[in-house]
């Protein structure tokens, strides 16, 4: 028993001695500050939205990326479609649906007309339930569409960071 206690103390001490310098060498760099924040590739100018879902995606992306008059123009287009998840007939009037939002972001380089635009497309889904009330059903569809649009915007944000910071 005494030997196992000493072995535990010795192994913990060894881990602490070896692990401390290794952890001290690690650094975490925030994405939106320091060197990456000064990256002009991360500045975008967003075109005006044409729908509510476009507006949701643009608002999510505009919070993260800087704006500049010379920044590339980013255009967002979204589409939403809903499907029934359960097709069985039951006495319960509530039905579960799934809405899928597809968001496409096109970034055009305004200083180089020969450059190909960068096109990123992401898809996200959200579930909602309907019942016997039409207003409630429409509100549930709208809320689920906006949740899916926010998820698609987050996925687009990560794709932009992965593409433009190389």
Protein backbone atom coordinates (compact mmCIF):
# COMPACT_ATOMS: atom_id res chain seq x y z
CA UNK A 1 0.00 0.00 0.00
CA UNK A 2 2.80 2.38 0.89
CA UNK A 3 4.64 1.49 -2.32
CA UNK A 4 1.59 2.29 -4.51
CA UNK A 5 1.14 5.63 -2.73
CA UNK A 6 4.78 6.55 -3.40
CA UNK A 7 4.43 5.41 -7.01
CA UNK A 8 1.39 7.64 -7.45
CA UNK A 9 3.21 10.64 -6.00
CA UNK A 10 6.29 9.96 -8.12
CA UNK A 11 4.27 9.56 -11.34
CA UNK A 12 2.26 12.73 -10.62
CA UNK A 13 5.49 14.66 -9.99
CA UNK A 14 7.02 13.34 -13.21
CA UNK A 15 3.95 14.36 -15.20
CA UNK A 16 3.99 17.81 -13.60
CA UNK A 17 7.69 18.30 -14.33
CA UNK A 18 7.47 17.14 -17.95
CA UNK A 19 4.02 18.56 -18.71
CA UNK A 20 4.60 22.09 -17.43
CA UNK A 21 7.23 23.07 -20.03
CA UNK A 22 5.20 21.41 -22.79
CA UNK A 23 2.08 23.36 -21.87
CA UNK A 24 4.08 26.57 -21.52
CA UNK A 25 5.15 26.19 -25.16
CA UNK A 26 1.53 26.10 -26.34
CA UNK A 27 -0.14 29.36 -27.25
CA UNK A 28 -3.69 30.09 -28.28
CA UNK A 29 -4.31 32.88 -30.73
CA UNK A 30 -7.77 34.38 -30.98
CA UNK A 31 -9.12 34.41 -34.53
CA UNK A 32 -10.40 37.97 -34.46
CA UNK A 33 -7.42 39.76 -32.92
CA UNK A 34 -3.72 40.13 -33.51
CA UNK A 35 -2.27 39.04 -36.83
CA UNK A 36 -5.50 37.54 -38.20
CA UNK A 37 -7.57 40.63 -37.37
CA UNK A 38 -5.22 42.76 -39.44
CA UNK A 39 -5.59 40.43 -42.42
CA UNK A 40 -7.23 42.46 -45.22
CA UNK A 41 -8.62 39.23 -46.69
CA UNK A 42 -11.01 39.04 -43.73
CA UNK A 43 -12.66 42.36 -44.55
CA UNK A 44 -15.88 42.07 -46.53
CA UNK A 45 -18.50 44.45 -47.85
CA UNK A 46 -21.92 42.81 -47.89
CA UNK A 47 -24.49 43.44 -50.61
CA UNK A 48 -28.03 44.30 -49.54
CA UNK A 49 -30.14 41.29 -48.52
CA UNK A 50 -33.11 40.27 -50.68
CA UNK A 51 -34.92 38.14 -48.09
CA UNK A 52 -35.22 37.71 -44.33
CA UNK A 53 -32.97 34.63 -44.35
CA UNK A 54 -30.35 36.54 -46.37
CA UNK A 55 -30.50 39.24 -43.72
CA UNK A 56 -30.01 36.70 -40.89
CA UNK A 57 -26.92 35.23 -42.58
CA UNK A 58 -25.46 38.67 -43.40
CA UNK A 59 -25.99 39.89 -39.82
CA UNK A 60 -24.19 36.82 -38.42
CA UNK A 61 -21.26 37.24 -40.83
CA UNK A 62 -21.04 41.04 -40.51
CA UNK A 63 -20.51 40.69 -36.76
CA UNK A 64 -17.30 38.75 -37.39
CA UNK A 65 -15.64 40.37 -40.38
CA UNK A 66 -14.32 43.92 -40.77
CA UNK A 67 -15.72 46.37 -43.26
CA UNK A 68 -13.79 48.52 -45.69
CA UNK A 69 -14.77 50.49 -48.80
CA UNK A 70 -12.15 48.58 -50.78
CA UNK A 71 -13.17 45.18 -49.38
CA UNK A 72 -14.41 42.46 -51.69
CA UNK A 73 -18.17 42.42 -52.14
CA UNK A 74 -19.92 39.43 -50.59
CA UNK A 75 -23.37 38.45 -51.82
CA UNK A 76 -25.56 36.03 -49.88
CA UNK A 77 -28.43 34.03 -51.30
CA UNK A 78 -30.51 31.56 -49.31
CA UNK A 79 -33.27 29.08 -49.99
CA UNK A 80 -35.41 27.08 -47.58
CA UNK A 81 -37.38 23.89 -48.03
CA UNK A 82 -39.38 21.86 -45.53
CA UNK A 83 -40.14 18.15 -45.35
CA UNK A 84 -42.21 15.94 -43.05
CA UNK A 85 -40.11 13.70 -40.81
CA UNK A 86 -42.91 11.33 -39.78
CA UNK A 87 -45.46 10.12 -42.34
CA UNK A 88 -47.43 7.81 -40.07
CA UNK A 89 -51.06 8.61 -39.35
CA UNK A 90 -51.73 9.01 -35.64
CA UNK A 91 -54.39 10.62 -33.47
CA UNK A 92 -51.86 13.28 -32.44
CA UNK A 93 -52.42 16.44 -34.56
CA UNK A 94 -48.78 17.53 -34.06
CA UNK A 95 -46.43 16.67 -36.87
CA UNK A 96 -42.67 17.03 -36.91
CA UNK A 97 -41.13 18.77 -39.88
CA UNK A 98 -37.58 19.62 -40.90
CA UNK A 99 -36.58 22.78 -42.71
CA UNK A 100 -33.35 22.88 -44.70
CA UNK A 101 -31.67 26.20 -45.46
CA UNK A 102 -29.03 26.40 -48.17
CA UNK A 103 -26.85 29.51 -47.99
CA UNK A 104 -24.51 30.49 -50.80
CA UNK A 105 -21.89 33.19 -50.32
CA UNK A 106 -20.18 34.69 -53.37
CA UNK A 107 -17.13 36.87 -52.76
CA UNK A 108 -16.04 38.92 -55.76
CA UNK A 109 -12.67 40.64 -55.91
CA UNK A 110 -13.44 44.23 -56.93
CA UNK A 111 -9.79 45.14 -57.51
CA UNK A 112 -9.11 42.24 -59.90
CA UNK A 113 -11.82 41.72 -62.53
CA UNK A 114 -10.05 38.66 -63.96
CA UNK A 115 -10.11 36.80 -60.63
CA UNK A 116 -12.73 34.10 -60.21
CA UNK A 117 -15.28 34.78 -57.49
CA UNK A 118 -15.09 32.56 -54.43
CA UNK A 119 -18.36 30.64 -54.02
CA UNK A 120 -19.10 28.84 -50.75
CA UNK A 121 -22.31 26.88 -50.13
CA UNK A 122 -23.40 25.42 -46.82
CA UNK A 123 -26.59 23.68 -45.73
CA UNK A 124 -28.18 23.42 -42.28
CA UNK A 125 -31.38 21.90 -40.95
CA UNK A 126 -33.71 22.54 -38.02
CA UNK A 127 -36.79 20.69 -36.77
CA UNK A 128 -40.16 22.15 -35.82
CA UNK A 129 -43.62 20.89 -34.97
CA UNK A 130 -46.99 21.91 -36.31
CA UNK A 131 -50.40 21.55 -34.73
CA UNK A 132 -53.90 22.71 -35.46
CA UNK A 133 -53.17 26.45 -35.32
CA UNK A 134 -52.09 28.08 -38.57
CA UNK A 135 -50.38 31.10 -37.00
CA UNK A 136 -48.41 28.86 -34.65
CA UNK A 137 -47.39 26.63 -37.57
CA UNK A 138 -46.14 29.61 -39.59
CA UNK A 139 -44.25 30.99 -36.59
CA UNK A 140 -42.63 27.60 -35.97
CA UNK A 141 -41.54 27.37 -39.62
CA UNK A 142 -40.11 30.91 -39.54
CA UNK A 143 -38.24 30.32 -36.27
CA UNK A 144 -36.81 27.00 -37.50
CA UNK A 145 -35.75 28.62 -40.79
CA UNK A 146 -33.92 31.37 -38.91
CA UNK A 147 -32.19 28.83 -36.64
CA UNK A 148 -31.05 26.88 -39.67
CA UNK A 149 -29.88 30.11 -41.37
CA UNK A 150 -27.78 30.99 -38.31
CA UNK A 151 -26.22 27.52 -38.36
CA UNK A 152 -25.47 27.85 -42.07
CA UNK A 153 -23.92 31.29 -41.42
CA UNK A 154 -21.65 29.80 -38.76
CA UNK A 155 -20.56 27.11 -41.20
CA UNK A 156 -19.92 29.78 -43.85
CA UNK A 157 -17.88 31.79 -41.34
CA UNK A 158 -15.63 28.80 -40.70
CA UNK A 159 -15.30 28.15 -44.44
CA UNK A 160 -14.31 31.79 -45.01
CA UNK A 161 -11.67 31.59 -42.28
CA UNK A 162 -10.32 28.34 -43.69
CA UNK A 163 -10.18 29.68 -47.24
CA UNK A 164 -9.03 33.29 -46.79
CA UNK A 165 -6.41 32.84 -44.06
CA UNK A 166 -4.18 30.50 -46.03
